[in-house]
Amino acid sequence: MQFDDDADLDTSQVQDSRGSRIPGGGATIGGGIVGLVALVLGLFFGIGPQELGLSSGPAPTATSSTDAQVSQHCRTGRDANTREDCRIVAVVNSAQSFWSQEFARRSRAYTPASTVFFTGRVNTACGAATSAVGPFYCPADRKVYLDLGFFDELKSKFGASGGPFAQAYVVAHEYGHHVQNLLGTLGRSQDRRTGADSNAVKVELQADCYAGVWARHATTTPEKSTGRPLLKQLTQADIDDGLSAAAAVGDDRIQEKFQGRVTPESWTHGSAAQRQEWFGTGFRTGDVARCDTFR
């Protein structure tokens, strides 16, 4: 996975709140991805923690901000090739560039979504959340929330192979939820039903497919500022890392690992095989229309 060294990064698309101090209260689950409820319901769910019942009381307010971290250190594609946080900035830029152009091609307007880096816990329009819910998208404020420490746990706790594109898959999946929100399909997940054939699972698998569609076009989508793609190279090894990450967060893998048995009636995201299949469908076809998981 290689970005154009000379490309400029747009850090305005990322809010860096790492190191912000948030007073106690608000979120009701502990830090770290350790609870099965948080794993199954929060991880990549696509809706905010309040809707999931993971927040109570007024959301706390951060007392400091460190936006300067990314704005100072993440200026070019060269930075994205050497720093993890800058790489996420580049993926956000690439994903939003693709979706903006894809929406325009369909005579629709794409509204950008910010990604918020945080550490430990965060205040959102969907309620207060801790890192325990994993990366998530809040439709109320149209922002993606990400504790970068999750990527270490994706490898160490869930057994993904790791690698830069595993991280890119996670980010692209969350932006798939933003696309669903703009298209009006994200709300189908909020009927609270679970199970292998539930809308919750179909929403998640569609976001996986959208991530694959972005990956297919990422190396050919030109940036407005340069006329060249921000992402220059994506290898089969990169795609394999993405497929590994998709499988690692399949409901069956998580349940087998953390509760010792698989219970499809409680699934909210789909099996490892399904998640790989739908990411692969998006990547193989590059066609948004082939991502209709509700059909």
C-alpha atoms as a PDB file:
ATOM      1  CA  MET A   1       0.000   0.000   0.000  1.00  0.00           C
ATOM      2  CA  GLN A   2       1.789   3.097  -1.235  1.00  0.00           C
ATOM      3  CA  PHE A   3       0.644   6.704  -1.400  1.00  0.00           C
ATOM      4  CA  ASP A   4       1.913   9.380  -3.784  1.00  0.00           C
ATOM      5  CA  ASP A   5       4.834  10.940  -1.892  1.00  0.00           C
ATOM      6  CA  ASP A   6       4.206  14.381  -3.358  1.00  0.00           C
ATOM      7  CA  ALA A   7       0.445  14.505  -2.796  1.00  0.00           C
ATOM      8  CA  ASP A   8      -0.927  16.983  -0.269  1.00  0.00           C
ATOM      9  CA  LEU A   9      -3.029  15.610   2.585  1.00  0.00           C
ATOM     10  CA  ASP A  10      -6.212  17.379   3.653  1.00  0.00           C
ATOM     11  CA  THR A  11      -6.047  17.274   7.442  1.00  0.00           C
ATOM     12  CA  SER A  12      -9.254  19.325   7.727  1.00  0.00           C
ATOM     13  CA  GLN A  13     -11.100  16.019   7.278  1.00  0.00           C
ATOM     14  CA  VAL A  14      -9.700  14.685  10.571  1.00  0.00           C
ATOM     15  CA  GLN A  15     -10.190  16.037  14.092  1.00  0.00           C
ATOM     16  CA  ASP A  16      -7.443  14.934  16.456  1.00  0.00           C
ATOM     17  CA  SER A  17      -8.617  14.690  20.064  1.00  0.00           C
ATOM     18  CA  ARG A  18      -5.964  12.274  21.275  1.00  0.00           C
ATOM     19  CA  GLY A  19      -4.787  13.300  24.681  1.00  0.00           C
ATOM     20  CA  SER A  20      -7.954  15.251  25.458  1.00  0.00           C
ATOM     21  CA  ARG A  21      -9.108  14.812  29.044  1.00  0.00           C
ATOM     22  CA  ILE A  22     -12.785  13.999  29.520  1.00  0.00           C
ATOM     23  CA  PRO A  23     -14.284  14.061  33.015  1.00  0.00           C
ATOM     24  CA  GLY A  24     -15.722  10.825  34.369  1.00  0.00           C
ATOM     25  CA  GLY A  25     -19.303   9.781  33.786  1.00  0.00           C
ATOM     26  CA  GLY A  26     -21.287   9.373  30.593  1.00  0.00           C
ATOM     27  CA  ALA A  27     -20.097   6.063  29.194  1.00  0.00           C
ATOM     28  CA  THR A  28     -21.018   2.991  31.171  1.00  0.00           C
ATOM     29  CA  ILE A  29     -18.592   0.413  29.751  1.00  0.00           C
ATOM     30  CA  GLY A  30     -14.947  -0.006  30.615  1.00  0.00           C
ATOM     31  CA  GLY A  31     -12.013   0.861  28.387  1.00  0.00           C
ATOM     32  CA  GLY A  32     -10.441  -1.701  26.107  1.00  0.00           C
ATOM     33  CA  ILE A  33     -12.178  -4.194  23.845  1.00  0.00           C
ATOM     34  CA  VAL A  34     -12.874  -6.859  26.436  1.00  0.00           C
ATOM     35  CA  GLY A  35     -16.644  -7.206  26.836  1.00  0.00           C
ATOM     36  CA  LEU A  36     -18.581  -9.524  24.563  1.00  0.00           C
ATOM     37  CA  VAL A  37     -21.512  -7.110  24.469  1.00  0.00           C
ATOM     38  CA  ALA A  38     -19.237  -4.344  23.261  1.00  0.00           C
ATOM     39  CA  LEU A  39     -17.563  -6.685  20.813  1.00  0.00           C
ATOM     40  CA  VAL A  40     -20.733  -7.969  19.231  1.00  0.00           C
ATOM     41  CA  LEU A  41     -22.876  -4.840  19.386  1.00  0.00           C
ATOM     42  CA  GLY A  42     -20.401  -1.997  19.236  1.00  0.00           C
ATOM     43  CA  LEU A  43     -17.697  -3.140  16.864  1.00  0.00           C
ATOM     44  CA  PHE A  44     -18.326  -1.633  13.415  1.00  0.00           C
ATOM     45  CA  PHE A  45     -22.037  -1.408  14.209  1.00  0.00           C
ATOM     46  CA  GLY A  46     -22.479   1.845  12.387  1.00  0.00           C
ATOM     47  CA  ILE A  47     -24.718   3.630  14.860  1.00  0.00           C
ATOM     48  CA  GLY A  48     -23.791   5.637  17.905  1.00  0.00           C
ATOM     49  CA  PRO A  49     -23.315   4.303  21.438  1.00  0.00           C
ATOM     50  CA  GLN A  50     -26.485   5.897  22.790  1.00  0.00           C
ATOM     51  CA  GLU A  51     -28.663   3.915  20.383  1.00  0.00           C
ATOM     52  CA  LEU A  52     -26.881   0.770  21.565  1.00  0.00           C
ATOM     53  CA  GLY A  53     -27.562   1.526  25.215  1.00  0.00           C
ATOM     54  CA  LEU A  54     -23.872   1.981  25.949  1.00  0.00           C
ATOM     55  CA  SER A  55     -24.202   5.538  27.229  1.00  0.00           C
ATOM     56  CA  SER A  56     -26.111   7.149  30.063  1.00  0.00           C
ATOM     57  CA  GLY A  57     -26.430  10.643  31.407  1.00  0.00           C
ATOM     58  CA  PRO A  58     -25.091  13.811  29.800  1.00  0.00           C
ATOM     59  CA  ALA A  59     -22.116  13.421  27.512  1.00  0.00           C
ATOM     60  CA  PRO A  60     -18.874  14.754  29.006  1.00  0.00           C
ATOM     61  CA  THR A  61     -16.901  17.554  27.439  1.00  0.00           C
ATOM     62  CA  ALA A  62     -13.257  17.312  26.521  1.00  0.00           C
ATOM     63  CA  THR A  63     -11.037  19.855  28.259  1.00  0.00           C
ATOM     64  CA  SER A  64      -8.296  20.042  25.656  1.00  0.00           C
ATOM     65  CA  SER A  65      -7.661  19.353  21.991  1.00  0.00           C
ATOM     66  CA  THR A  66      -4.593  18.375  20.012  1.00  0.00           C
ATOM     67  CA  ASP A  67      -5.649  19.003  16.416  1.00  0.00           C
ATOM     68  CA  ALA A  68      -2.147  20.313  15.744  1.00  0.00           C
ATOM     69  CA  GLN A  69      -0.757  16.769  15.773  1.00  0.00           C
ATOM     70  CA  VAL A  70      -2.096  15.797  12.374  1.00  0.00           C
ATOM     71  CA  SER A  71      -1.965  19.274  10.869  1.00  0.00           C
ATOM     72  CA  GLN A  72       1.726  19.594  11.715  1.00  0.00           C
ATOM     73  CA  HIS A  73       2.906  16.082  10.964  1.00  0.00           C
ATOM     74  CA  CYS A  74       0.607  14.910   8.166  1.00  0.00           C
ATOM     75  CA  ARG A  75       1.275  17.124   5.186  1.00  0.00           C
ATOM     76  CA  THR A  76       2.085  14.850   2.247  1.00  0.00           C
ATOM     77  CA  GLY A  77       1.739  11.311   0.965  1.00  0.00           C
ATOM     78  CA  ARG A  78       5.302  10.728   2.129  1.00  0.00           C
ATOM     79  CA  ASP A  79       4.086  11.275   5.693  1.00  0.00           C
ATOM     80  CA  ALA A  80       1.261   8.795   5.068  1.00  0.00           C
ATOM     81  CA  ASN A  81       3.827   6.206   4.044  1.00  0.00           C
ATOM     82  CA  THR A  82       5.736   6.564   7.298  1.00  0.00           C
ATOM     83  CA  ARG A  83       3.215   7.460  10.063  1.00  0.00           C
ATOM     84  CA  GLU A  84       0.112   5.524  11.099  1.00  0.00           C
ATOM     85  CA  ASP A  85      -2.027   8.567  11.894  1.00  0.00           C
ATOM     86  CA  CYS A  86      -1.063  10.212   8.618  1.00  0.00           C
ATOM     87  CA  ARG A  87      -1.912   7.010   6.777  1.00  0.00           C
ATOM     88  CA  ILE A  88      -5.430   7.145   8.207  1.00  0.00           C
ATOM     89  CA  VAL A  89      -5.707  10.773   7.085  1.00  0.00           C
ATOM     90  CA  ALA A  90      -4.727   9.661   3.580  1.00  0.00           C
ATOM     91  CA  VAL A  91      -7.274   6.834   3.569  1.00  0.00           C
ATOM     92  CA  VAL A  92      -9.991   9.250   4.696  1.00  0.00           C
ATOM     93  CA  ASN A  93      -8.993  11.651   1.909  1.00  0.00           C
ATOM     94  CA  SER A  94      -8.961   8.868  -0.677  1.00  0.00           C
ATOM     95  CA  ALA A  95     -12.301   7.385   0.397  1.00  0.00           C
ATOM     96  CA  GLN A  96     -14.054  10.740   0.401  1.00  0.00           C
ATOM     97  CA  SER A  97     -12.565  11.687  -2.943  1.00  0.00           C
ATOM     98  CA  PHE A  98     -13.906   8.481  -4.456  1.00  0.00           C
ATOM     99  CA  TRP A  99     -17.374   8.768  -2.940  1.00  0.00           C
ATOM    100  CA  SER A 100     -17.641  12.432  -3.888  1.00  0.00           C
ATOM    101  CA  GLN A 101     -16.923  11.554  -7.507  1.00  0.00           C
ATOM    102  CA  GLU A 102     -19.149   8.474  -7.427  1.00  0.00           C
ATOM    103  CA  PHE A 103     -22.091  10.496  -6.069  1.00  0.00           C
ATOM    104  CA  ALA A 104     -21.494  13.203  -8.687  1.00  0.00           C
ATOM    105  CA  ARG A 105     -21.495  10.546 -11.413  1.00  0.00           C
ATOM    106  CA  ARG A 106     -24.937   9.559 -10.167  1.00  0.00           C
ATOM    107  CA  SER A 107     -26.080  13.208 -10.027  1.00  0.00           C
ATOM    108  CA  ARG A 108     -26.133  13.222  -6.251  1.00  0.00           C
ATOM    109  CA  ALA A 109     -24.351  15.415  -3.720  1.00  0.00           C
ATOM    110  CA  TYR A 110     -21.869  13.859  -1.314  1.00  0.00           C
ATOM    111  CA  THR A 111     -21.539  15.489   2.117  1.00  0.00           C
ATOM    112  CA  PRO A 112     -18.071  14.881   3.653  1.00  0.00           C
ATOM    113  CA  ALA A 113     -17.738  13.274   7.081  1.00  0.00           C
ATOM    114  CA  SER A 114     -14.946  14.003   9.546  1.00  0.00           C
ATOM    115  CA  THR A 115     -12.977  11.301  11.316  1.00  0.00           C
ATOM    116  CA  VAL A 116     -12.237  11.929  14.995  1.00  0.00           C
ATOM    117  CA  PHE A 117      -9.123  10.418  16.582  1.00  0.00           C
ATOM    118  CA  PHE A 118      -9.576   9.885  20.310  1.00  0.00           C
ATOM    119  CA  THR A 119      -7.980   8.063  23.212  1.00  0.00           C
ATOM    120  CA  GLY A 120      -9.974   6.165  25.826  1.00  0.00           C
ATOM    121  CA  ARG A 121     -13.352   7.877  25.622  1.00  0.00           C
ATOM    122  CA  VAL A 122     -15.070  10.469  23.490  1.00  0.00           C
ATOM    123  CA  ASN A 123     -18.093  12.745  23.433  1.00  0.00           C
ATOM    124  CA  THR A 124     -20.351  12.388  20.366  1.00  0.00           C
ATOM    125  CA  ALA A 125     -23.768  13.543  19.229  1.00  0.00           C
ATOM    126  CA  CYS A 126     -24.853   9.900  19.719  1.00  0.00           C
ATOM    127  CA  GLY A 127     -23.716   9.891  23.338  1.00  0.00           C
ATOM    128  CA  ALA A 128     -20.490   9.273  25.204  1.00  0.00           C
ATOM    129  CA  ALA A 129     -18.426   6.225  24.273  1.00  0.00           C
ATOM    130  CA  THR A 130     -15.236   4.486  25.305  1.00  0.00           C
ATOM    131  CA  SER A 131     -12.739   2.637  23.143  1.00  0.00           C
ATOM    132  CA  ALA A 132     -14.613  -0.551  24.069  1.00  0.00           C
ATOM    133  CA  VAL A 133     -17.157   0.004  21.300  1.00  0.00           C
ATOM    134  CA  GLY A 134     -14.435  -0.086  18.644  1.00  0.00           C
ATOM    135  CA  PRO A 135     -14.486   2.202  15.607  1.00  0.00           C
ATOM    136  CA  PHE A 136     -17.974   3.533  14.922  1.00  0.00           C
ATOM    137  CA  TYR A 137     -19.938   6.002  12.840  1.00  0.00           C
ATOM    138  CA  CYS A 138     -22.375   8.420  14.469  1.00  0.00           C
ATOM    139  CA  PRO A 139     -25.176   9.403  12.074  1.00  0.00           C
ATOM    140  CA  ALA A 140     -26.307  12.259  14.330  1.00  0.00           C
ATOM    141  CA  ASP A 141     -23.128  14.273  13.709  1.00  0.00           C
ATOM    142  CA  ARG A 142     -21.951  12.387  10.598  1.00  0.00           C
ATOM    143  CA  LYS A 143     -18.539  11.577  12.036  1.00  0.00           C
ATOM    144  CA  VAL A 144     -16.375   8.476  12.234  1.00  0.00           C
ATOM    145  CA  TYR A 145     -14.780   7.866  15.646  1.00  0.00           C
ATOM    146  CA  LEU A 146     -11.547   5.924  15.967  1.00  0.00           C
ATOM    147  CA  ASP A 147      -9.134   5.100  18.763  1.00  0.00           C
ATOM    148  CA  LEU A 148      -5.958   4.153  16.896  1.00  0.00           C
ATOM    149  CA  GLY A 149      -5.136   1.657  19.631  1.00  0.00           C
ATOM    150  CA  PHE A 150      -7.838  -0.554  18.143  1.00  0.00           C
ATOM    151  CA  PHE A 151      -5.518  -1.547  15.311  1.00  0.00           C
ATOM    152  CA  ASP A 152      -3.137  -3.210  17.766  1.00  0.00           C
ATOM    153  CA  GLU A 153      -6.041  -5.153  19.272  1.00  0.00           C
ATOM    154  CA  LEU A 154      -7.305  -6.151  15.834  1.00  0.00           C
ATOM    155  CA  LYS A 155      -4.086  -8.109  15.463  1.00  0.00           C
ATOM    156  CA  SER A 156      -3.320  -9.176  19.030  1.00  0.00           C
ATOM    157  CA  LYS A 157      -6.837 -10.006  20.292  1.00  0.00           C
ATOM    158  CA  PHE A 158      -8.694 -10.932  17.121  1.00  0.00           C
ATOM    159  CA  GLY A 159      -5.910 -12.594  15.146  1.00  0.00           C
ATOM    160  CA  ALA A 160      -5.944 -10.451  12.008  1.00  0.00           C
ATOM    161  CA  SER A 161      -2.716 -10.448  10.027  1.00  0.00           C
ATOM    162  CA  GLY A 162      -2.411  -6.695  10.452  1.00  0.00           C
ATOM    163  CA  GLY A 163      -0.787  -4.412   7.935  1.00  0.00           C
ATOM    164  CA  PRO A 164      -1.633  -0.937   6.627  1.00  0.00           C
ATOM    165  CA  PHE A 165      -4.514  -2.107   4.460  1.00  0.00           C
ATOM    166  CA  ALA A 166      -6.200  -3.847   7.395  1.00  0.00           C
ATOM    167  CA  GLN A 167      -6.424  -0.361   8.876  1.00  0.00           C
ATOM    168  CA  ALA A 168      -7.658   1.042   5.574  1.00  0.00           C
ATOM    169  CA  TYR A 169     -10.402  -1.591   5.448  1.00  0.00           C
ATOM    170  CA  VAL A 170     -11.663  -0.515   8.878  1.00  0.00           C
ATOM    171  CA  VAL A 171     -11.792   3.146   7.873  1.00  0.00           C
ATOM    172  CA  ALA A 172     -13.381   2.395   4.494  1.00  0.00           C
ATOM    173  CA  HIS A 173     -16.028   0.252   6.222  1.00  0.00           C
ATOM    174  CA  GLU A 174     -16.994   3.157   8.471  1.00  0.00           C
ATOM    175  CA  TYR A 175     -17.232   5.473   5.481  1.00  0.00           C
ATOM    176  CA  GLY A 176     -19.465   2.830   3.948  1.00  0.00           C
ATOM    177  CA  HIS A 177     -21.827   3.547   6.841  1.00  0.00           C
ATOM    178  CA  HIS A 178     -21.661   7.247   6.023  1.00  0.00           C
ATOM    179  CA  VAL A 179     -22.621   6.460   2.438  1.00  0.00           C
ATOM    180  CA  GLN A 180     -25.525   4.385   3.744  1.00  0.00           C
ATOM    181  CA  ASN A 181     -26.598   7.299   5.921  1.00  0.00           C
ATOM    182  CA  LEU A 182     -26.600   9.652   2.935  1.00  0.00           C
ATOM    183  CA  LEU A 183     -28.538   7.133   0.838  1.00  0.00           C
ATOM    184  CA  GLY A 184     -31.061   6.413   3.584  1.00  0.00           C
ATOM    185  CA  THR A 185     -30.247   2.743   4.157  1.00  0.00           C
ATOM    186  CA  LEU A 186     -28.401   2.958   7.475  1.00  0.00           C
ATOM    187  CA  GLY A 187     -31.654   3.289   9.423  1.00  0.00           C
ATOM    188  CA  ARG A 188     -32.592  -0.280   8.553  1.00  0.00           C
ATOM    189  CA  SER A 189     -30.187  -1.488  11.243  1.00  0.00           C
ATOM    190  CA  GLN A 190     -32.002   0.276  14.053  1.00  0.00           C
ATOM    191  CA  ASP A 191     -34.898  -2.131  14.465  1.00  0.00           C
ATOM    192  CA  ARG A 192     -32.737  -3.815  17.150  1.00  0.00           C
ATOM    193  CA  ARG A 193     -33.285  -7.290  15.676  1.00  0.00           C
ATOM    194  CA  THR A 194     -30.320  -9.652  15.556  1.00  0.00           C
ATOM    195  CA  GLY A 195     -29.606 -12.863  13.705  1.00  0.00           C
ATOM    196  CA  ALA A 196     -27.924 -14.067  10.557  1.00  0.00           C
ATOM    197  CA  ASP A 197     -30.722 -12.679   8.361  1.00  0.00           C
ATOM    198  CA  SER A 198     -31.305  -9.448  10.274  1.00  0.00           C
ATOM    199  CA  ASN A 199     -31.127  -5.973   8.805  1.00  0.00           C
ATOM    200  CA  ALA A 200     -28.244  -5.251  11.166  1.00  0.00           C
ATOM    201  CA  VAL A 201     -26.152  -7.921   9.467  1.00  0.00           C
ATOM    202  CA  LYS A 202     -27.202  -6.772   5.989  1.00  0.00           C
ATOM    203  CA  VAL A 203     -26.198  -3.199   6.791  1.00  0.00           C
ATOM    204  CA  GLU A 204     -22.771  -4.328   7.983  1.00  0.00           C
ATOM    205  CA  LEU A 205     -22.162  -6.562   4.981  1.00  0.00           C
ATOM    206  CA  GLN A 206     -23.122  -3.737   2.646  1.00  0.00           C
ATOM    207  CA  ALA A 207     -20.586  -1.473   4.360  1.00  0.00           C
ATOM    208  CA  ASP A 208     -17.989  -4.194   3.778  1.00  0.00           C
ATOM    209  CA  CYS A 209     -18.961  -4.273   0.111  1.00  0.00           C
ATOM    210  CA  TYR A 210     -18.693  -0.486  -0.151  1.00  0.00           C
ATOM    211  CA  ALA A 211     -15.203  -0.729   1.370  1.00  0.00           C
ATOM    212  CA  GLY A 212     -14.303  -3.156  -1.393  1.00  0.00           C
ATOM    213  CA  VAL A 213     -15.710  -0.837  -4.066  1.00  0.00           C
ATOM    214  CA  TRP A 214     -13.502   1.997  -2.785  1.00  0.00           C
ATOM    215  CA  ALA A 215     -10.467  -0.300  -2.763  1.00  0.00           C
ATOM    216  CA  ARG A 216     -11.136  -1.258  -6.373  1.00  0.00           C
ATOM    217  CA  HIS A 217     -11.096   2.361  -7.513  1.00  0.00           C
ATOM    218  CA  ALA A 218      -8.633   3.866  -5.018  1.00  0.00           C
ATOM    219  CA  THR A 219      -5.608   3.635  -7.314  1.00  0.00           C
ATOM    220  CA  THR A 220      -7.447   5.209 -10.259  1.00  0.00           C
ATOM    221  CA  THR A 221      -9.493   7.966  -8.610  1.00  0.00           C
ATOM    222  CA  PRO A 222      -7.741  11.296  -9.285  1.00  0.00           C
ATOM    223  CA  GLU A 223      -7.414  13.938  -6.600  1.00  0.00           C
ATOM    224  CA  LYS A 224      -8.703  17.358  -7.591  1.00  0.00           C
ATOM    225  CA  SER A 225      -5.528  19.099  -6.442  1.00  0.00           C
ATOM    226  CA  THR A 226      -3.087  16.992  -8.481  1.00  0.00           C
ATOM    227  CA  GLY A 227      -5.132  15.082 -11.032  1.00  0.00           C
ATOM    228  CA  ARG A 228      -3.373  11.934  -9.789  1.00  0.00           C
ATOM    229  CA  PRO A 229      -4.619   9.168  -7.464  1.00  0.00           C
ATOM    230  CA  LEU A 230      -3.526   9.634  -3.851  1.00  0.00           C
ATOM    231  CA  LEU A 231      -3.104   5.861  -3.474  1.00  0.00           C
ATOM    232  CA  LYS A 232      -0.527   4.676  -6.007  1.00  0.00           C
ATOM    233  CA  GLN A 233      -0.205   0.979  -5.286  1.00  0.00           C
ATOM    234  CA  LEU A 234      -2.376  -1.747  -3.805  1.00  0.00           C
ATOM    235  CA  THR A 235      -1.050  -5.295  -3.944  1.00  0.00           C
ATOM    236  CA  GLN A 236      -2.704  -8.675  -3.508  1.00  0.00           C
ATOM    237  CA  ALA A 237      -0.917  -8.923  -0.166  1.00  0.00           C
ATOM    238  CA  ASP A 238      -2.710  -5.716   0.889  1.00  0.00           C
ATOM    239  CA  ILE A 239      -6.076  -7.128  -0.140  1.00  0.00           C
ATOM    240  CA  ASP A 240      -5.291 -10.321   1.765  1.00  0.00           C
ATOM    241  CA  ASP A 241      -4.670  -8.211   4.881  1.00  0.00           C
ATOM    242  CA  GLY A 242      -8.069  -6.579   4.384  1.00  0.00           C
ATOM    243  CA  LEU A 243      -9.748  -9.972   3.998  1.00  0.00           C
ATOM    244  CA  SER A 244      -7.975 -11.169   7.141  1.00  0.00           C
ATOM    245  CA  ALA A 245      -9.313  -8.203   9.090  1.00  0.00           C
ATOM    246  CA  ALA A 246     -12.829  -8.767   7.731  1.00  0.00           C
ATOM    247  CA  ALA A 247     -12.745 -12.401   8.836  1.00  0.00           C
ATOM    248  CA  ALA A 248     -11.292 -11.576  12.245  1.00  0.00           C
ATOM    249  CA  VAL A 249     -14.347  -9.488  13.149  1.00  0.00           C
ATOM    250  CA  GLY A 250     -16.917 -11.973  11.883  1.00  0.00           C
ATOM    251  CA  ASP A 251     -19.557 -12.755  14.483  1.00  0.00           C
ATOM    252  CA  ASP A 252     -18.775 -16.467  14.468  1.00  0.00           C
ATOM    253  CA  ARG A 253     -15.045 -15.890  15.019  1.00  0.00           C
ATOM    254  CA  ILE A 254     -15.679 -13.446  17.856  1.00  0.00           C
ATOM    255  CA  GLN A 255     -18.255 -15.653  19.554  1.00  0.00           C
ATOM    256  CA  GLU A 256     -16.114 -18.775  19.297  1.00  0.00           C
ATOM    257  CA  LYS A 257     -13.120 -16.937  20.729  1.00  0.00           C
ATOM    258  CA  PHE A 258     -14.831 -15.099  23.586  1.00  0.00           C
ATOM    259  CA  GLN A 259     -17.770 -17.317  24.559  1.00  0.00           C
ATOM    260  CA  GLY A 260     -16.677 -20.703  23.223  1.00  0.00           C
ATOM    261  CA  ARG A 261     -19.739 -21.281  21.041  1.00  0.00           C
ATOM    262  CA  VAL A 262     -21.408 -19.792  17.973  1.00  0.00           C
ATOM    263  CA  THR A 263     -24.958 -18.435  18.296  1.00  0.00           C
ATOM    264  CA  PRO A 264     -26.164 -17.159  14.884  1.00  0.00           C
ATOM    265  CA  GLU A 265     -29.401 -15.836  16.380  1.00  0.00           C
ATOM    266  CA  SER A 266     -27.417 -13.067  18.093  1.00  0.00           C
ATOM    267  CA  TRP A 267     -25.334 -12.019  15.078  1.00  0.00           C
ATOM    268  CA  THR A 268     -25.185  -8.341  14.185  1.00  0.00           C
ATOM    269  CA  HIS A 269     -22.376  -8.278  11.618  1.00  0.00           C
ATOM    270  CA  GLY A 270     -22.290 -11.545   9.720  1.00  0.00           C
ATOM    271  CA  SER A 271     -19.901 -14.469   9.677  1.00  0.00           C
ATOM    272  CA  ALA A 272     -16.233 -14.293   8.762  1.00  0.00           C
ATOM    273  CA  ALA A 273     -17.005 -15.916   5.404  1.00  0.00           C
ATOM    274  CA  GLN A 274     -19.819 -13.451   4.679  1.00  0.00           C
ATOM    275  CA  ARG A 275     -17.704 -10.430   5.518  1.00  0.00           C
ATOM    276  CA  GLN A 276     -14.921 -11.650   3.271  1.00  0.00           C
ATOM    277  CA  GLU A 277     -17.398 -12.491   0.524  1.00  0.00           C
ATOM    278  CA  TRP A 278     -18.998  -9.053   0.464  1.00  0.00           C
ATOM    279  CA  PHE A 279     -15.731  -7.144   0.668  1.00  0.00           C
ATOM    280  CA  GLY A 280     -14.536  -9.354  -2.179  1.00  0.00           C
ATOM    281  CA  THR A 281     -17.696  -8.660  -4.181  1.00  0.00           C
ATOM    282  CA  GLY A 282     -17.119  -4.929  -3.911  1.00  0.00           C
ATOM    283  CA  PHE A 283     -13.461  -5.203  -4.813  1.00  0.00           C
ATOM    284  CA  ARG A 284     -13.967  -7.653  -7.667  1.00  0.00           C
ATOM    285  CA  THR A 285     -16.804  -5.752  -9.364  1.00  0.00           C
ATOM    286  CA  GLY A 286     -16.132  -2.158  -8.293  1.00  0.00           C
ATOM    287  CA  ASP A 287     -19.879  -1.682  -8.701  1.00  0.00           C
ATOM    288  CA  VAL A 288     -22.020  -0.077  -5.987  1.00  0.00           C
ATOM    289  CA  ALA A 289     -25.108  -1.733  -7.464  1.00  0.00           C
ATOM    290  CA  ARG A 290     -23.656  -5.166  -6.673  1.00  0.00           C
ATOM    291  CA  CYS A 291     -23.694  -4.297  -2.944  1.00  0.00           C
ATOM    292  CA  ASP A 292     -27.423  -4.846  -2.458  1.00  0.00           C
ATOM    293  CA  THR A 293     -27.264  -7.135   0.545  1.00  0.00           C
ATOM    294  CA  PHE A 294     -31.004  -6.620   1.151  1.00  0.00           C
ATOM    295  CA  ARG A 295     -32.074  -8.319  -2.068  1.00  0.00           C
END
